[in-house]
Amino acid sequence: MRFRHHIFVCTNERPAGGKPACGGRGGDALADEFERAVARHPTLCRAVAVTRCGCLGPCFDGPNLVIYPEGIWYAGVESADVADIVEQHLLGGRVLTRLRYLWPED
């Protein structure tokens, strides 16, 4: 099956005391919330994949996720932001600028 969107949510874990990791900042709960939100929506349940992944890079700004095919990165995402991302990005095609992560070279 070909998906319209593919969401990769960082759920990486690291030992305590080192560099922060999205898994320790709620990455797993965030992935769960996206899975539930997509499953509840009649047009998204077959068009969006949610995948838990390892480190995406900007650890200090996590939890992080990236949505393809657009390649839009979001950082500091919380469960409360999921509904906005679903409604505005996945359904409306609009990027949420308040959560967008821009790489230094962007």
Protein backbone atom coordinates (compact mmCIF):
# COMPACT_ATOMS: atom_id res chain seq x y z
CA MET A 1 0.00 0.00 0.00
CA ARG A 2 1.26 3.45 -0.84
CA PHE A 3 0.81 6.08 1.85
CA ARG A 4 0.07 9.75 1.28
CA HIS A 5 2.11 10.70 4.36
CA HIS A 6 4.68 8.87 6.46
CA ILE A 7 5.40 10.20 9.96
CA PHE A 8 8.66 9.19 11.61
CA VAL A 9 8.63 9.85 15.36
CA CYS A 10 11.91 9.67 17.26
CA THR A 11 11.66 7.31 20.23
CA ASN A 12 15.40 6.98 20.80
CA GLU A 13 16.58 6.23 24.36
CA ARG A 14 19.92 7.07 25.98
CA PRO A 15 21.40 6.45 29.42
CA ALA A 16 20.58 9.07 32.05
CA GLY A 17 23.03 11.92 32.48
CA GLY A 18 24.06 12.22 28.86
CA LYS A 19 22.67 13.93 25.81
CA PRO A 20 18.86 14.19 25.92
CA ALA A 21 16.80 11.74 23.90
CA CYS A 22 13.30 11.99 22.47
CA GLY A 23 12.25 8.68 24.02
CA GLY A 24 12.85 10.09 27.48
CA ARG A 25 10.95 13.25 26.57
CA GLY A 26 7.72 11.55 25.55
CA GLY A 27 8.52 10.23 22.07
CA ASP A 28 6.75 6.91 22.68
CA ALA A 29 3.60 8.61 23.98
CA LEU A 30 3.72 10.96 21.00
CA ALA A 31 3.91 8.04 18.55
CA ASP A 32 0.99 6.38 20.37
CA GLU A 33 -1.07 9.56 20.08
CA PHE A 34 -0.38 9.85 16.34
CA GLU A 35 -1.34 6.19 15.84
CA ARG A 36 -4.64 6.76 17.66
CA ALA A 37 -5.39 10.02 15.82
CA VAL A 38 -4.72 8.47 12.42
CA ALA A 39 -6.72 5.31 13.22
CA ARG A 40 -9.74 7.40 14.28
CA HIS A 41 -9.84 9.42 11.08
CA PRO A 42 -11.70 7.78 8.17
CA THR A 43 -9.57 9.28 5.39
CA LEU A 44 -6.21 9.04 7.16
CA CYS A 45 -6.35 5.50 8.53
CA ARG A 46 -5.32 4.05 5.15
CA ALA A 47 -3.29 7.00 3.92
CA VAL A 48 -0.84 7.73 6.77
CA ALA A 49 1.85 5.52 8.29
CA VAL A 50 3.36 6.22 11.70
CA THR A 51 6.79 4.73 12.36
CA ARG A 52 8.89 4.88 15.52
CA CYS A 53 12.52 5.52 14.68
CA GLY A 54 15.92 6.09 16.20
CA CYS A 55 17.68 9.41 16.58
CA LEU A 56 16.77 12.06 14.04
CA GLY A 57 19.47 14.50 15.12
CA PRO A 58 18.31 17.66 16.91
CA CYS A 59 18.10 15.94 20.33
CA PHE A 60 18.10 19.09 22.43
CA ASP A 61 14.89 20.25 20.74
CA GLY A 62 12.91 16.97 20.97
CA PRO A 63 10.70 15.15 20.77
CA ASN A 64 11.18 15.36 17.03
CA LEU A 65 9.38 14.00 14.01
CA VAL A 66 9.56 14.30 10.26
CA ILE A 67 6.69 13.96 7.81
CA TYR A 68 7.27 12.68 4.28
CA PRO A 69 6.94 13.09 1.36
CA GLU A 70 7.27 16.79 2.19
CA GLY A 71 10.28 16.32 4.46
CA ILE A 72 8.89 18.73 7.05
CA TRP A 73 10.54 18.49 10.47
CA TYR A 74 8.80 19.35 13.73
CA ALA A 75 10.57 19.73 17.09
CA GLY A 76 9.42 20.04 20.69
CA VAL A 77 6.17 18.31 19.78
CA GLU A 78 3.84 17.32 22.62
CA SER A 79 0.76 15.10 22.62
CA ALA A 80 -1.40 18.23 22.73
CA ASP A 81 0.06 19.24 19.33
CA VAL A 82 -1.02 16.07 17.53
CA ALA A 83 -4.54 17.30 16.69
CA ASP A 84 -3.11 20.49 15.15
CA ILE A 85 -0.61 18.54 13.05
CA VAL A 86 -3.33 16.16 11.86
CA GLU A 87 -5.80 18.93 11.01
CA GLN A 88 -3.42 21.51 9.58
CA HIS A 89 -0.60 19.49 8.03
CA LEU A 90 -2.04 16.10 7.12
CA LEU A 91 -5.53 17.27 6.16
CA GLY A 92 -4.97 20.93 5.32
CA GLY A 93 -1.54 20.81 3.70
CA ARG A 94 -0.25 23.68 5.87
CA VAL A 95 2.99 23.60 7.84
CA LEU A 96 2.76 24.53 11.53
CA THR A 97 5.41 27.22 11.75
CA ARG A 98 5.33 27.29 15.57
CA LEU A 99 6.67 23.71 15.68
CA ARG A 100 8.71 23.57 12.49
CA TYR A 101 12.36 22.72 12.88
CA LEU A 102 14.66 24.40 10.40
CA TRP A 103 18.12 22.97 10.01
CA PRO A 104 20.88 25.60 10.24
CA GLU A 105 21.53 25.38 6.49
CA ASP A 106 17.81 25.92 5.63
